[in-house]
Amino acid sequence: KTVSSFRGGQEVNRLPDQEQPPLRENQPSAQELRGSPEKPSISAEDKRKSIKQLIDKIPTQKDELFDYPLDWSVLDKDLMERRVKSWINKKIVEYIGEEEPSLCGFICSKILAKSAPQNILQDVAI
């Protein structure tokens, strides 16, 4: 049988013989107790250099680009919406001169499905 009591404005359910530590007002949440790992502070210049180095690693020739290994674990719907979709839309505008939301959505869905680049290209060419 459990005993209900109120401590620090919170109801506490416990077995009668269990010792409970006293609760304090404004007790930190579990999230606060876990804390977040300290991220090293990166200057804007270092971040820009890092991004440029990453971009420089991406091949520019079609065959090399299609063979470039991707880390699919970093691609999720959030990244797709925040970054990739706008880039795809920009490229569509560059190629055909106007936005094509259905084409952009189609390409994004193919990428999220981890389709091979050759397959996406063939599907778009149809």
C-alpha atoms as a PDB file:
ATOM      1  CA  LYS A   1       0.000   0.000   0.000  1.00  0.00           C
ATOM      2  CA  THR A   2       1.295   3.469  -0.837  1.00  0.00           C
ATOM      3  CA  VAL A   3       1.044   6.544   1.293  1.00  0.00           C
ATOM      4  CA  SER A   4       0.321   9.885  -0.344  1.00  0.00           C
ATOM      5  CA  SER A   5       1.692  13.006   1.239  1.00  0.00           C
ATOM      6  CA  PHE A   6       2.501  16.502   0.132  1.00  0.00           C
ATOM      7  CA  ARG A   7       6.039  17.836   0.242  1.00  0.00           C
ATOM      8  CA  GLY A   8       7.087  21.146  -1.202  1.00  0.00           C
ATOM      9  CA  GLY A   9       3.731  21.531  -2.945  1.00  0.00           C
ATOM     10  CA  GLN A  10       4.096  18.153  -4.718  1.00  0.00           C
ATOM     11  CA  GLU A  11       2.267  14.932  -3.981  1.00  0.00           C
ATOM     12  CA  VAL A  12       4.634  12.088  -3.146  1.00  0.00           C
ATOM     13  CA  ASN A  13       3.528   8.461  -3.397  1.00  0.00           C
ATOM     14  CA  ARG A  14       5.736   6.088  -1.434  1.00  0.00           C
ATOM     15  CA  LEU A  15       5.640   2.905   0.516  1.00  0.00           C
ATOM     16  CA  PRO A  16       5.237   3.611   4.252  1.00  0.00           C
ATOM     17  CA  ASP A  17       8.698   2.314   5.180  1.00  0.00           C
ATOM     18  CA  GLN A  18      10.585   4.142   2.400  1.00  0.00           C
ATOM     19  CA  GLU A  19      12.653   7.103   3.391  1.00  0.00           C
ATOM     20  CA  GLN A  20      12.159  10.041   1.084  1.00  0.00           C
ATOM     21  CA  PRO A  21      14.643  12.890   0.740  1.00  0.00           C
ATOM     22  CA  PRO A  22      13.094  16.271   1.451  1.00  0.00           C
ATOM     23  CA  LEU A  23      12.066  18.261  -1.604  1.00  0.00           C
ATOM     24  CA  ARG A  24      13.291  21.815  -1.872  1.00  0.00           C
ATOM     25  CA  GLU A  25      11.458  24.745  -3.347  1.00  0.00           C
ATOM     26  CA  ASN A  26      12.621  25.416  -6.899  1.00  0.00           C
ATOM     27  CA  GLN A  27      14.232  21.987  -7.091  1.00  0.00           C
ATOM     28  CA  PRO A  28      16.016  21.541 -10.440  1.00  0.00           C
ATOM     29  CA  SER A  29      14.339  19.392 -13.028  1.00  0.00           C
ATOM     30  CA  ALA A  30      15.844  16.146 -14.266  1.00  0.00           C
ATOM     31  CA  GLN A  31      16.898  18.004 -17.421  1.00  0.00           C
ATOM     32  CA  GLU A  32      18.755  20.598 -15.370  1.00  0.00           C
ATOM     33  CA  LEU A  33      20.424  17.884 -13.312  1.00  0.00           C
ATOM     34  CA  ARG A  34      21.622  16.071 -16.414  1.00  0.00           C
ATOM     35  CA  GLY A  35      22.876  19.333 -17.815  1.00  0.00           C
ATOM     36  CA  SER A  36      23.878  19.847 -21.369  1.00  0.00           C
ATOM     37  CA  PRO A  37      27.364  19.068 -22.521  1.00  0.00           C
ATOM     38  CA  GLU A  38      29.514  22.128 -22.887  1.00  0.00           C
ATOM     39  CA  LYS A  39      29.905  23.032 -26.529  1.00  0.00           C
ATOM     40  CA  PRO A  40      33.149  24.706 -27.387  1.00  0.00           C
ATOM     41  CA  SER A  41      32.653  28.273 -28.450  1.00  0.00           C
ATOM     42  CA  ILE A  42      33.382  28.631 -32.175  1.00  0.00           C
ATOM     43  CA  SER A  43      33.994  32.021 -33.682  1.00  0.00           C
ATOM     44  CA  ALA A  44      32.034  33.061 -36.755  1.00  0.00           C
ATOM     45  CA  GLU A  45      35.259  33.057 -38.774  1.00  0.00           C
ATOM     46  CA  ASP A  46      36.133  29.484 -37.696  1.00  0.00           C
ATOM     47  CA  LYS A  47      32.601  28.340 -38.485  1.00  0.00           C
ATOM     48  CA  ARG A  48      32.793  29.938 -41.939  1.00  0.00           C
ATOM     49  CA  LYS A  49      36.153  28.248 -42.611  1.00  0.00           C
ATOM     50  CA  SER A  50      34.780  24.896 -41.454  1.00  0.00           C
ATOM     51  CA  ILE A  51      31.755  25.171 -43.754  1.00  0.00           C
ATOM     52  CA  LYS A  52      33.984  26.203 -46.674  1.00  0.00           C
ATOM     53  CA  GLN A  53      36.260  23.185 -46.086  1.00  0.00           C
ATOM     54  CA  LEU A  54      33.230  20.904 -46.062  1.00  0.00           C
ATOM     55  CA  ILE A  55      31.871  22.399 -49.273  1.00  0.00           C
ATOM     56  CA  ASP A  56      35.294  22.116 -50.940  1.00  0.00           C
ATOM     57  CA  LYS A  57      35.238  18.343 -50.284  1.00  0.00           C
ATOM     58  CA  ILE A  58      32.052  17.868 -52.329  1.00  0.00           C
ATOM     59  CA  PRO A  59      32.851  16.807 -55.922  1.00  0.00           C
ATOM     60  CA  THR A  60      31.698  18.957 -58.815  1.00  0.00           C
ATOM     61  CA  GLN A  61      31.795  16.355 -61.580  1.00  0.00           C
ATOM     62  CA  LYS A  62      28.554  14.378 -62.023  1.00  0.00           C
ATOM     63  CA  ASP A  63      30.053  10.867 -61.779  1.00  0.00           C
ATOM     64  CA  GLU A  64      32.143  11.740 -58.714  1.00  0.00           C
ATOM     65  CA  LEU A  65      29.216  13.550 -57.131  1.00  0.00           C
ATOM     66  CA  PHE A  66      26.856  10.605 -57.655  1.00  0.00           C
ATOM     67  CA  ASP A  67      29.451   8.279 -56.071  1.00  0.00           C
ATOM     68  CA  TYR A  68      30.055  10.599 -53.091  1.00  0.00           C
ATOM     69  CA  PRO A  69      29.185   8.745 -49.861  1.00  0.00           C
ATOM     70  CA  LEU A  70      26.490  10.370 -47.738  1.00  0.00           C
ATOM     71  CA  ASP A  71      25.978  10.083 -44.003  1.00  0.00           C
ATOM     72  CA  TRP A  72      22.225   9.416 -44.114  1.00  0.00           C
ATOM     73  CA  SER A  73      22.004   9.495 -40.311  1.00  0.00           C
ATOM     74  CA  VAL A  74      22.236  13.295 -40.305  1.00  0.00           C
ATOM     75  CA  LEU A  75      19.357  13.784 -42.740  1.00  0.00           C
ATOM     76  CA  ASP A  76      15.958  14.071 -41.121  1.00  0.00           C
ATOM     77  CA  LYS A  77      12.742  15.930 -41.910  1.00  0.00           C
ATOM     78  CA  ASP A  78      13.862  18.927 -39.859  1.00  0.00           C
ATOM     79  CA  LEU A  79      17.114  19.344 -41.811  1.00  0.00           C
ATOM     80  CA  MET A  80      15.200  18.791 -45.042  1.00  0.00           C
ATOM     81  CA  GLU A  81      12.751  21.599 -44.179  1.00  0.00           C
ATOM     82  CA  ARG A  82      15.350  23.999 -42.766  1.00  0.00           C
ATOM     83  CA  ARG A  83      18.137  23.701 -45.308  1.00  0.00           C
ATOM     84  CA  VAL A  84      17.854  21.175 -48.130  1.00  0.00           C
ATOM     85  CA  LYS A  85      14.393  22.096 -49.420  1.00  0.00           C
ATOM     86  CA  SER A  86      15.278  25.766 -49.872  1.00  0.00           C
ATOM     87  CA  TRP A  87      18.499  24.798 -51.688  1.00  0.00           C
ATOM     88  CA  ILE A  88      16.598  22.460 -54.012  1.00  0.00           C
ATOM     89  CA  ASN A  89      14.002  25.154 -54.676  1.00  0.00           C
ATOM     90  CA  LYS A  90      16.774  27.660 -55.463  1.00  0.00           C
ATOM     91  CA  LYS A  91      18.343  25.222 -57.952  1.00  0.00           C
ATOM     92  CA  ILE A  92      14.974  24.592 -59.631  1.00  0.00           C
ATOM     93  CA  VAL A  93      14.514  28.348 -60.080  1.00  0.00           C
ATOM     94  CA  GLU A  94      18.043  28.591 -61.553  1.00  0.00           C
ATOM     95  CA  TYR A  95      17.285  25.823 -64.091  1.00  0.00           C
ATOM     96  CA  ILE A  96      13.701  26.560 -65.159  1.00  0.00           C
ATOM     97  CA  GLY A  97      13.249  30.167 -64.093  1.00  0.00           C
ATOM     98  CA  GLU A  98      10.394  29.745 -61.620  1.00  0.00           C
ATOM     99  CA  GLU A  99       9.432  27.893 -58.467  1.00  0.00           C
ATOM    100  CA  GLU A 100       7.882  24.461 -58.880  1.00  0.00           C
ATOM    101  CA  PRO A 101       6.617  23.380 -55.431  1.00  0.00           C
ATOM    102  CA  SER A 102       5.455  19.957 -56.654  1.00  0.00           C
ATOM    103  CA  LEU A 103       8.831  19.198 -58.259  1.00  0.00           C
ATOM    104  CA  CYS A 104      10.654  20.395 -55.158  1.00  0.00           C
ATOM    105  CA  GLY A 105       8.442  18.218 -52.949  1.00  0.00           C
ATOM    106  CA  PHE A 106       8.969  15.223 -55.239  1.00  0.00           C
ATOM    107  CA  ILE A 107      12.756  15.575 -55.114  1.00  0.00           C
ATOM    108  CA  CYS A 108      12.705  16.049 -51.329  1.00  0.00           C
ATOM    109  CA  SER A 109      10.609  12.900 -50.875  1.00  0.00           C
ATOM    110  CA  LYS A 110      13.037  10.932 -53.059  1.00  0.00           C
ATOM    111  CA  ILE A 111      15.986  12.169 -51.015  1.00  0.00           C
ATOM    112  CA  LEU A 112      14.271  11.311 -47.723  1.00  0.00           C
ATOM    113  CA  ALA A 113      13.626   7.835 -49.161  1.00  0.00           C
ATOM    114  CA  LYS A 114      17.405   7.605 -49.813  1.00  0.00           C
ATOM    115  CA  SER A 115      16.921   7.102 -53.537  1.00  0.00           C
ATOM    116  CA  ALA A 116      20.044   6.824 -55.653  1.00  0.00           C
ATOM    117  CA  PRO A 117      20.939  10.036 -57.509  1.00  0.00           C
ATOM    118  CA  GLN A 118      20.677   8.271 -60.883  1.00  0.00           C
ATOM    119  CA  ASN A 119      17.121   7.182 -60.052  1.00  0.00           C
ATOM    120  CA  ILE A 120      16.094  10.696 -59.016  1.00  0.00           C
ATOM    121  CA  LEU A 121      17.567  12.092 -62.209  1.00  0.00           C
ATOM    122  CA  GLN A 122      15.714   9.505 -64.331  1.00  0.00           C
ATOM    123  CA  ASP A 123      12.427  10.182 -62.503  1.00  0.00           C
ATOM    124  CA  VAL A 124      12.757  13.945 -63.000  1.00  0.00           C
ATOM    125  CA  ALA A 125      13.634  13.521 -66.681  1.00  0.00           C
ATOM    126  CA  ILE A 126      10.375  11.655 -67.387  1.00  0.00           C
END
